[in-house]
Amino acid sequence: MLIRSSTVLPGTRTDVAFGTDDGLTLVGELSVPQNRPVEGALVMCHPLPTAGGYMDSHLIRKAANRLPAMAGLAVLRFNFRGVSSPRGRSEGSFGEGIDEGKDLAAAMSFLHEQGLPVPWLVGWSFGTEVILKHALDAGLPFAGAFLLAPPLHRATADDLARWVGRPEPVIALVPEHDDFLRPPEATDRFRAIPHARVIPAEGAKHLFVGEKYSHLALGEIVRAVNPGRLPLPTEWPEDDRVN
């Protein structure tokens, strides 16, 4: 059967909660491969809460629903402070991309405590700003930063400069028709980080709407994190699907 927007592939999914250094409890979900080794890990940072972003934003949800089975990846997704979803509400209130740095650090610490592989940090839109501004302050190792549709609104030139000479790869997947930052401008802005790589997402818009663009985005994440699992399938056996 064709993989569609609502497809959920096999995996072990557990509701989780973890605390921040400033005393808040955040809620999320940890998805891991079912009955097979974990080959890599992702911490997913969702889009702007004040524009409807949360842990169920479609690319974040699809990563959790598909990549444990497709690519052997553990996926931690969570609500930033003050954000609600069917999983529940994270305590606190919107921190303008500043206090959310504590949320990212808490998520990285939680994943580290699970004994999972050193994660890639994957952000979408606002989530990319949190990673660029705060990942280097978390005090925990991470394998790389994958940035989906980075707007570079909150991330300043000084923030980008801190990544110069770092060992972690920085990869930006930039939609051709993005509302905020398109590939030519992104290429220019990311020259501030000599080892950063900008990948144009041909035909895509900021929200990556449509299965074609979801597949493209997830495929590029896997290309960075666990390329031996490419190409990602577009079909899955009917008797091995959850939904």
C-alpha atoms as a PDB file:
ATOM      1  CA  MET A   1       0.000   0.000   0.000  1.00  0.00           C
ATOM      2  CA  LEU A   2       1.106   3.554  -0.678  1.00  0.00           C
ATOM      3  CA  ILE A   3       2.396   5.531   2.286  1.00  0.00           C
ATOM      4  CA  ARG A   4       0.030   8.432   2.912  1.00  0.00           C
ATOM      5  CA  SER A   5      -0.118  11.387   5.269  1.00  0.00           C
ATOM      6  CA  SER A   6      -1.813   9.396   8.029  1.00  0.00           C
ATOM      7  CA  THR A   7       0.349   6.269   7.721  1.00  0.00           C
ATOM      8  CA  VAL A   8       1.809   4.998  10.990  1.00  0.00           C
ATOM      9  CA  LEU A   9       4.520   2.353  10.641  1.00  0.00           C
ATOM     10  CA  PRO A  10       5.612  -0.067  13.372  1.00  0.00           C
ATOM     11  CA  GLY A  11       7.554   1.336  16.308  1.00  0.00           C
ATOM     12  CA  THR A  12       7.511   1.503  20.075  1.00  0.00           C
ATOM     13  CA  ARG A  13       6.040   4.845  21.109  1.00  0.00           C
ATOM     14  CA  THR A  14       6.093   6.058  24.702  1.00  0.00           C
ATOM     15  CA  ASP A  15       4.666   9.228  26.208  1.00  0.00           C
ATOM     16  CA  VAL A  16       7.442  11.010  28.084  1.00  0.00           C
ATOM     17  CA  ALA A  17       7.917  14.052  30.300  1.00  0.00           C
ATOM     18  CA  PHE A  18      11.096  15.772  31.432  1.00  0.00           C
ATOM     19  CA  GLY A  19      12.102  18.834  33.391  1.00  0.00           C
ATOM     20  CA  THR A  20      13.935  22.024  32.472  1.00  0.00           C
ATOM     21  CA  ASP A  21      16.556  23.822  34.518  1.00  0.00           C
ATOM     22  CA  ASP A  22      14.026  26.530  35.360  1.00  0.00           C
ATOM     23  CA  GLY A  23      11.562  24.054  36.863  1.00  0.00           C
ATOM     24  CA  LEU A  24       9.086  23.357  34.066  1.00  0.00           C
ATOM     25  CA  THR A  25       7.792  19.979  32.921  1.00  0.00           C
ATOM     26  CA  LEU A  26       7.647  19.421  29.174  1.00  0.00           C
ATOM     27  CA  VAL A  27       5.654  16.649  27.493  1.00  0.00           C
ATOM     28  CA  GLY A  28       6.556  14.619  24.444  1.00  0.00           C
ATOM     29  CA  GLU A  29       6.865  11.218  22.830  1.00  0.00           C
ATOM     30  CA  LEU A  30       9.827   8.926  22.245  1.00  0.00           C
ATOM     31  CA  SER A  31       9.508   6.618  19.233  1.00  0.00           C
ATOM     32  CA  VAL A  32      12.052   3.851  18.697  1.00  0.00           C
ATOM     33  CA  PRO A  33      12.372   0.941  16.278  1.00  0.00           C
ATOM     34  CA  GLN A  34      10.374  -2.140  17.173  1.00  0.00           C
ATOM     35  CA  ASN A  35      12.390  -5.314  17.788  1.00  0.00           C
ATOM     36  CA  ARG A  36      15.472  -4.016  15.985  1.00  0.00           C
ATOM     37  CA  PRO A  37      18.563  -1.977  16.893  1.00  0.00           C
ATOM     38  CA  VAL A  38      18.521   1.799  17.077  1.00  0.00           C
ATOM     39  CA  GLU A  39      20.839   3.114  14.361  1.00  0.00           C
ATOM     40  CA  GLY A  40      20.609   6.832  15.132  1.00  0.00           C
ATOM     41  CA  ALA A  41      18.531   9.402  16.981  1.00  0.00           C
ATOM     42  CA  LEU A  42      16.754  12.689  16.332  1.00  0.00           C
ATOM     43  CA  VAL A  43      15.593  15.488  18.620  1.00  0.00           C
ATOM     44  CA  MET A  44      12.794  17.269  16.756  1.00  0.00           C
ATOM     45  CA  CYS A  45      12.115  20.982  17.398  1.00  0.00           C
ATOM     46  CA  HIS A  46       8.768  22.192  16.096  1.00  0.00           C
ATOM     47  CA  PRO A  47       7.673  25.407  14.327  1.00  0.00           C
ATOM     48  CA  LEU A  48       6.555  28.674  15.917  1.00  0.00           C
ATOM     49  CA  PRO A  49       4.025  28.100  18.715  1.00  0.00           C
ATOM     50  CA  THR A  50       2.270  31.425  18.143  1.00  0.00           C
ATOM     51  CA  ALA A  51       1.614  30.357  14.530  1.00  0.00           C
ATOM     52  CA  GLY A  52       0.255  26.930  15.477  1.00  0.00           C
ATOM     53  CA  GLY A  53       3.503  24.962  15.687  1.00  0.00           C
ATOM     54  CA  TYR A  54       3.591  21.981  18.070  1.00  0.00           C
ATOM     55  CA  MET A  55       4.894  18.435  18.340  1.00  0.00           C
ATOM     56  CA  ASP A  56       2.194  17.223  15.924  1.00  0.00           C
ATOM     57  CA  SER A  57       3.172  19.625  13.123  1.00  0.00           C
ATOM     58  CA  HIS A  58       3.048  17.304  10.161  1.00  0.00           C
ATOM     59  CA  LEU A  59       6.751  16.766   9.370  1.00  0.00           C
ATOM     60  CA  ILE A  60       7.515  16.245  13.065  1.00  0.00           C
ATOM     61  CA  ARG A  61       4.679  13.735  13.389  1.00  0.00           C
ATOM     62  CA  LYS A  62       5.611  11.919  10.178  1.00  0.00           C
ATOM     63  CA  ALA A  63       9.213  11.567  11.300  1.00  0.00           C
ATOM     64  CA  ALA A  64       8.011   9.855  14.490  1.00  0.00           C
ATOM     65  CA  ASN A  65       5.470   7.723  12.608  1.00  0.00           C
ATOM     66  CA  ARG A  66       7.835   6.524   9.880  1.00  0.00           C
ATOM     67  CA  LEU A  67      11.542   6.822  10.595  1.00  0.00           C
ATOM     68  CA  PRO A  68      11.834   4.216  13.370  1.00  0.00           C
ATOM     69  CA  ALA A  69      10.646   1.578  10.878  1.00  0.00           C
ATOM     70  CA  MET A  70      12.070   3.060   7.679  1.00  0.00           C
ATOM     71  CA  ALA A  71      15.463   4.183   8.911  1.00  0.00           C
ATOM     72  CA  GLY A  72      16.126   2.603  12.320  1.00  0.00           C
ATOM     73  CA  LEU A  73      15.984   5.978  14.051  1.00  0.00           C
ATOM     74  CA  ALA A  74      14.800   6.952  17.519  1.00  0.00           C
ATOM     75  CA  VAL A  75      12.725  10.136  17.371  1.00  0.00           C
ATOM     76  CA  LEU A  76      12.076  12.422  20.336  1.00  0.00           C
ATOM     77  CA  ARG A  77       9.410  15.061  19.704  1.00  0.00           C
ATOM     78  CA  PHE A  78       8.080  17.386  22.369  1.00  0.00           C
ATOM     79  CA  ASN A  79       6.096  20.549  22.973  1.00  0.00           C
ATOM     80  CA  PHE A  80       8.076  23.660  23.751  1.00  0.00           C
ATOM     81  CA  ARG A  81       7.035  25.508  26.925  1.00  0.00           C
ATOM     82  CA  GLY A  82       3.422  26.665  26.966  1.00  0.00           C
ATOM     83  CA  VAL A  83       2.448  24.528  23.964  1.00  0.00           C
ATOM     84  CA  SER A  84      -0.474  22.079  23.934  1.00  0.00           C
ATOM     85  CA  SER A  85      -1.239  19.056  21.780  1.00  0.00           C
ATOM     86  CA  PRO A  86      -3.248  15.838  22.195  1.00  0.00           C
ATOM     87  CA  ARG A  87      -0.278  14.536  24.204  1.00  0.00           C
ATOM     88  CA  GLY A  88      -0.792  17.317  26.747  1.00  0.00           C
ATOM     89  CA  ARG A  89       0.530  20.753  27.632  1.00  0.00           C
ATOM     90  CA  SER A  90       4.086  21.693  28.468  1.00  0.00           C
ATOM     91  CA  GLU A  91       4.280  24.049  31.421  1.00  0.00           C
ATOM     92  CA  GLY A  92       5.286  27.669  31.092  1.00  0.00           C
ATOM     93  CA  SER A  93       4.685  30.250  28.391  1.00  0.00           C
ATOM     94  CA  PHE A  94       6.197  31.259  25.073  1.00  0.00           C
ATOM     95  CA  GLY A  95       9.774  32.440  25.554  1.00  0.00           C
ATOM     96  CA  GLU A  96      10.367  34.296  22.257  1.00  0.00           C
ATOM     97  CA  GLY A  97      12.988  31.730  21.220  1.00  0.00           C
ATOM     98  CA  ILE A  98      15.157  32.562  24.236  1.00  0.00           C
ATOM     99  CA  ASP A  99      13.766  30.463  27.079  1.00  0.00           C
ATOM    100  CA  GLU A 100      13.186  27.627  24.593  1.00  0.00           C
ATOM    101  CA  GLY A 101      16.933  27.073  24.754  1.00  0.00           C
ATOM    102  CA  LYS A 102      16.315  25.502  28.156  1.00  0.00           C
ATOM    103  CA  ASP A 103      13.712  23.234  26.552  1.00  0.00           C
ATOM    104  CA  LEU A 104      16.184  22.039  23.927  1.00  0.00           C
ATOM    105  CA  ALA A 105      18.801  21.356  26.595  1.00  0.00           C
ATOM    106  CA  ALA A 106      16.250  19.378  28.618  1.00  0.00           C
ATOM    107  CA  ALA A 107      15.300  17.285  25.586  1.00  0.00           C
ATOM    108  CA  MET A 108      18.939  16.551  24.791  1.00  0.00           C
ATOM    109  CA  SER A 109      19.578  15.593  28.414  1.00  0.00           C
ATOM    110  CA  PHE A 110      16.540  13.306  28.481  1.00  0.00           C
ATOM    111  CA  LEU A 111      17.621  11.501  25.320  1.00  0.00           C
ATOM    112  CA  HIS A 112      21.160  11.146  26.663  1.00  0.00           C
ATOM    113  CA  GLU A 113      19.779   9.510  29.807  1.00  0.00           C
ATOM    114  CA  GLN A 114      18.028   6.874  27.679  1.00  0.00           C
ATOM    115  CA  GLY A 115      21.370   5.570  26.465  1.00  0.00           C
ATOM    116  CA  LEU A 116      20.496   6.231  22.826  1.00  0.00           C
ATOM    117  CA  PRO A 117      22.976   7.300  20.132  1.00  0.00           C
ATOM    118  CA  VAL A 118      24.212  10.882  20.108  1.00  0.00           C
ATOM    119  CA  PRO A 119      21.363  12.667  18.324  1.00  0.00           C
ATOM    120  CA  TRP A 120      21.038  14.940  15.372  1.00  0.00           C
ATOM    121  CA  LEU A 121      19.067  18.071  16.199  1.00  0.00           C
ATOM    122  CA  VAL A 122      16.329  18.627  13.636  1.00  0.00           C
ATOM    123  CA  GLY A 123      14.434  21.898  13.626  1.00  0.00           C
ATOM    124  CA  TRP A 124      11.667  23.205  11.422  1.00  0.00           C
ATOM    125  CA  SER A 125      11.249  26.980  11.020  1.00  0.00           C
ATOM    126  CA  PHE A 126      11.215  28.395  14.594  1.00  0.00           C
ATOM    127  CA  GLY A 127      12.829  25.148  15.750  1.00  0.00           C
ATOM    128  CA  THR A 128      15.879  25.922  13.608  1.00  0.00           C
ATOM    129  CA  GLU A 129      16.289  29.251  15.404  1.00  0.00           C
ATOM    130  CA  VAL A 130      16.289  27.525  18.787  1.00  0.00           C
ATOM    131  CA  ILE A 131      18.971  25.116  17.592  1.00  0.00           C
ATOM    132  CA  LEU A 132      21.191  27.788  16.029  1.00  0.00           C
ATOM    133  CA  LYS A 133      20.938  30.055  19.080  1.00  0.00           C
ATOM    134  CA  HIS A 134      21.152  27.522  21.897  1.00  0.00           C
ATOM    135  CA  ALA A 135      22.436  24.060  20.956  1.00  0.00           C
ATOM    136  CA  LEU A 136      26.040  24.989  21.656  1.00  0.00           C
ATOM    137  CA  ASP A 137      25.118  26.044  25.202  1.00  0.00           C
ATOM    138  CA  ALA A 138      23.457  22.761  26.162  1.00  0.00           C
ATOM    139  CA  GLY A 139      26.702  21.147  27.288  1.00  0.00           C
ATOM    140  CA  LEU A 140      25.804  17.835  25.656  1.00  0.00           C
ATOM    141  CA  PRO A 141      27.131  16.245  22.467  1.00  0.00           C
ATOM    142  CA  PHE A 142      25.075  16.172  19.301  1.00  0.00           C
ATOM    143  CA  ALA A 143      25.930  14.725  15.920  1.00  0.00           C
ATOM    144  CA  GLY A 144      24.756  17.570  13.695  1.00  0.00           C
ATOM    145  CA  ALA A 145      22.093  20.182  13.019  1.00  0.00           C
ATOM    146  CA  PHE A 146      19.503  19.677  10.284  1.00  0.00           C
ATOM    147  CA  LEU A 147      17.487  22.815   9.572  1.00  0.00           C
ATOM    148  CA  LEU A 148      14.174  22.618   7.713  1.00  0.00           C
ATOM    149  CA  ALA A 149      13.094  25.951   6.192  1.00  0.00           C
ATOM    150  CA  PRO A 150      15.219  28.148   8.466  1.00  0.00           C
ATOM    151  CA  PRO A 151      13.845  31.723   8.509  1.00  0.00           C
ATOM    152  CA  LEU A 152      16.946  33.215  10.174  1.00  0.00           C
ATOM    153  CA  HIS A 153      14.764  35.815  11.900  1.00  0.00           C
ATOM    154  CA  ARG A 154      15.882  35.302  15.489  1.00  0.00           C
ATOM    155  CA  ALA A 155      19.282  33.761  14.734  1.00  0.00           C
ATOM    156  CA  THR A 156      21.735  36.644  14.396  1.00  0.00           C
ATOM    157  CA  ALA A 157      25.091  36.920  12.667  1.00  0.00           C
ATOM    158  CA  ASP A 158      26.704  36.451  16.096  1.00  0.00           C
ATOM    159  CA  ASP A 159      24.744  33.229  16.598  1.00  0.00           C
ATOM    160  CA  LEU A 160      25.931  31.873  13.253  1.00  0.00           C
ATOM    161  CA  ALA A 161      29.523  32.903  13.945  1.00  0.00           C
ATOM    162  CA  ARG A 162      29.623  30.629  16.997  1.00  0.00           C
ATOM    163  CA  TRP A 163      29.308  27.606  14.685  1.00  0.00           C
ATOM    164  CA  VAL A 164      32.476  28.420  12.751  1.00  0.00           C
ATOM    165  CA  GLY A 165      35.027  25.668  13.225  1.00  0.00           C
ATOM    166  CA  ARG A 166      32.630  23.364  15.031  1.00  0.00           C
ATOM    167  CA  PRO A 167      32.822  19.641  14.166  1.00  0.00           C
ATOM    168  CA  GLU A 168      29.054  19.165  13.853  1.00  0.00           C
ATOM    169  CA  PRO A 169      27.636  19.318  10.303  1.00  0.00           C
ATOM    170  CA  VAL A 170      25.083  22.054   9.620  1.00  0.00           C
ATOM    171  CA  ILE A 171      22.635  21.264   6.822  1.00  0.00           C
ATOM    172  CA  ALA A 172      19.777  23.537   5.733  1.00  0.00           C
ATOM    173  CA  LEU A 173      16.974  22.241   3.504  1.00  0.00           C
ATOM    174  CA  VAL A 174      15.522  25.437   2.014  1.00  0.00           C
ATOM    175  CA  PRO A 175      12.263  25.416   0.017  1.00  0.00           C
ATOM    176  CA  GLU A 176      12.448  26.947  -3.436  1.00  0.00           C
ATOM    177  CA  HIS A 177       9.287  28.975  -2.764  1.00  0.00           C
ATOM    178  CA  ASP A 178       9.773  29.649   0.954  1.00  0.00           C
ATOM    179  CA  ASP A 179       7.858  32.559   2.471  1.00  0.00           C
ATOM    180  CA  PHE A 180      10.816  33.779   4.532  1.00  0.00           C
ATOM    181  CA  LEU A 181      14.202  32.623   3.186  1.00  0.00           C
ATOM    182  CA  ARG A 182      14.808  31.152  -0.270  1.00  0.00           C
ATOM    183  CA  PRO A 183      17.862  29.214  -1.465  1.00  0.00           C
ATOM    184  CA  PRO A 184      19.895  32.093  -2.976  1.00  0.00           C
ATOM    185  CA  GLU A 185      19.569  34.244   0.157  1.00  0.00           C
ATOM    186  CA  ALA A 186      20.071  31.230   2.419  1.00  0.00           C
ATOM    187  CA  THR A 187      23.278  30.347   0.584  1.00  0.00           C
ATOM    188  CA  ASP A 188      24.517  33.880   1.147  1.00  0.00           C
ATOM    189  CA  ARG A 189      23.546  33.980   4.836  1.00  0.00           C
ATOM    190  CA  PHE A 190      25.007  30.559   5.621  1.00  0.00           C
ATOM    191  CA  ARG A 191      28.378  31.513   4.151  1.00  0.00           C
ATOM    192  CA  ALA A 192      28.971  32.785   7.673  1.00  0.00           C
ATOM    193  CA  ILE A 193      29.447  29.099   8.589  1.00  0.00           C
ATOM    194  CA  PRO A 194      31.989  27.795   6.033  1.00  0.00           C
ATOM    195  CA  HIS A 195      31.119  24.146   6.591  1.00  0.00           C
ATOM    196  CA  ALA A 196      27.328  24.671   6.391  1.00  0.00           C
ATOM    197  CA  ARG A 197      25.539  23.156   3.411  1.00  0.00           C
ATOM    198  CA  VAL A 198      22.365  24.515   1.821  1.00  0.00           C
ATOM    199  CA  ILE A 199      20.147  22.096  -0.100  1.00  0.00           C
ATOM    200  CA  PRO A 200      17.434  23.676  -2.283  1.00  0.00           C
ATOM    201  CA  ALA A 201      14.082  21.868  -2.005  1.00  0.00           C
ATOM    202  CA  GLU A 202      12.836  22.235  -5.556  1.00  0.00           C
ATOM    203  CA  GLY A 203       9.146  23.125  -5.784  1.00  0.00           C
ATOM    204  CA  ALA A 204       8.604  23.146  -2.019  1.00  0.00           C
ATOM    205  CA  LYS A 205       7.088  25.871   0.137  1.00  0.00           C
ATOM    206  CA  HIS A 206       7.720  26.655   3.810  1.00  0.00           C
ATOM    207  CA  LEU A 207       5.188  24.116   5.086  1.00  0.00           C
ATOM    208  CA  PHE A 208       6.322  21.224   2.836  1.00  0.00           C
ATOM    209  CA  VAL A 209       2.661  20.461   2.113  1.00  0.00           C
ATOM    210  CA  GLY A 210       2.018  17.278   0.125  1.00  0.00           C
ATOM    211  CA  GLU A 211       3.419  13.765   0.349  1.00  0.00           C
ATOM    212  CA  LYS A 212       6.032  14.540  -2.332  1.00  0.00           C
ATOM    213  CA  TYR A 213       7.622  17.202  -0.133  1.00  0.00           C
ATOM    214  CA  SER A 214       7.231  15.271   3.119  1.00  0.00           C
ATOM    215  CA  HIS A 215       9.071  12.375   1.478  1.00  0.00           C
ATOM    216  CA  LEU A 216      11.756  14.742   0.210  1.00  0.00           C
ATOM    217  CA  ALA A 217      12.305  16.290   3.658  1.00  0.00           C
ATOM    218  CA  LEU A 218      12.422  12.979   5.511  1.00  0.00           C
ATOM    219  CA  GLY A 219      14.701  11.538   2.863  1.00  0.00           C
ATOM    220  CA  GLU A 220      17.207  14.369   3.238  1.00  0.00           C
ATOM    221  CA  ILE A 221      17.206  13.931   7.014  1.00  0.00           C
ATOM    222  CA  VAL A 222      17.976  10.236   6.593  1.00  0.00           C
ATOM    223  CA  ARG A 223      20.645  11.043   3.994  1.00  0.00           C
ATOM    224  CA  ALA A 224      22.425  13.033   6.695  1.00  0.00           C
ATOM    225  CA  VAL A 225      21.821  10.724   9.647  1.00  0.00           C
ATOM    226  CA  ASN A 226      21.719   7.157   8.312  1.00  0.00           C
ATOM    227  CA  PRO A 227      22.292   7.153   4.531  1.00  0.00           C
ATOM    228  CA  GLY A 228      22.527   3.387   4.321  1.00  0.00           C
ATOM    229  CA  ARG A 229      18.730   3.293   4.716  1.00  0.00           C
ATOM    230  CA  LEU A 230      18.102   5.194   1.482  1.00  0.00           C
ATOM    231  CA  PRO A 231      16.059   5.302  -0.620  1.00  0.00           C
ATOM    232  CA  LEU A 232      13.079   5.598   1.695  1.00  0.00           C
ATOM    233  CA  PRO A 233      10.165   3.490   0.506  1.00  0.00           C
ATOM    234  CA  THR A 234       6.945   4.996  -0.805  1.00  0.00           C
ATOM    235  CA  GLU A 235       5.018   1.763  -0.140  1.00  0.00           C
ATOM    236  CA  TRP A 236       4.804  -0.538   2.877  1.00  0.00           C
ATOM    237  CA  PRO A 237       3.364  -4.039   3.336  1.00  0.00           C
ATOM    238  CA  GLU A 238      -0.240  -3.780   4.446  1.00  0.00           C
ATOM    239  CA  ASP A 239       0.200  -6.441   7.124  1.00  0.00           C
ATOM    240  CA  ASP A 240       3.097  -4.496   8.713  1.00  0.00           C
ATOM    241  CA  ARG A 241       1.335  -1.174   9.275  1.00  0.00           C
ATOM    242  CA  VAL A 242      -0.200   0.232  12.421  1.00  0.00           C
ATOM    243  CA  ASN A 243      -2.529   2.569  10.510  1.00  0.00           C
END
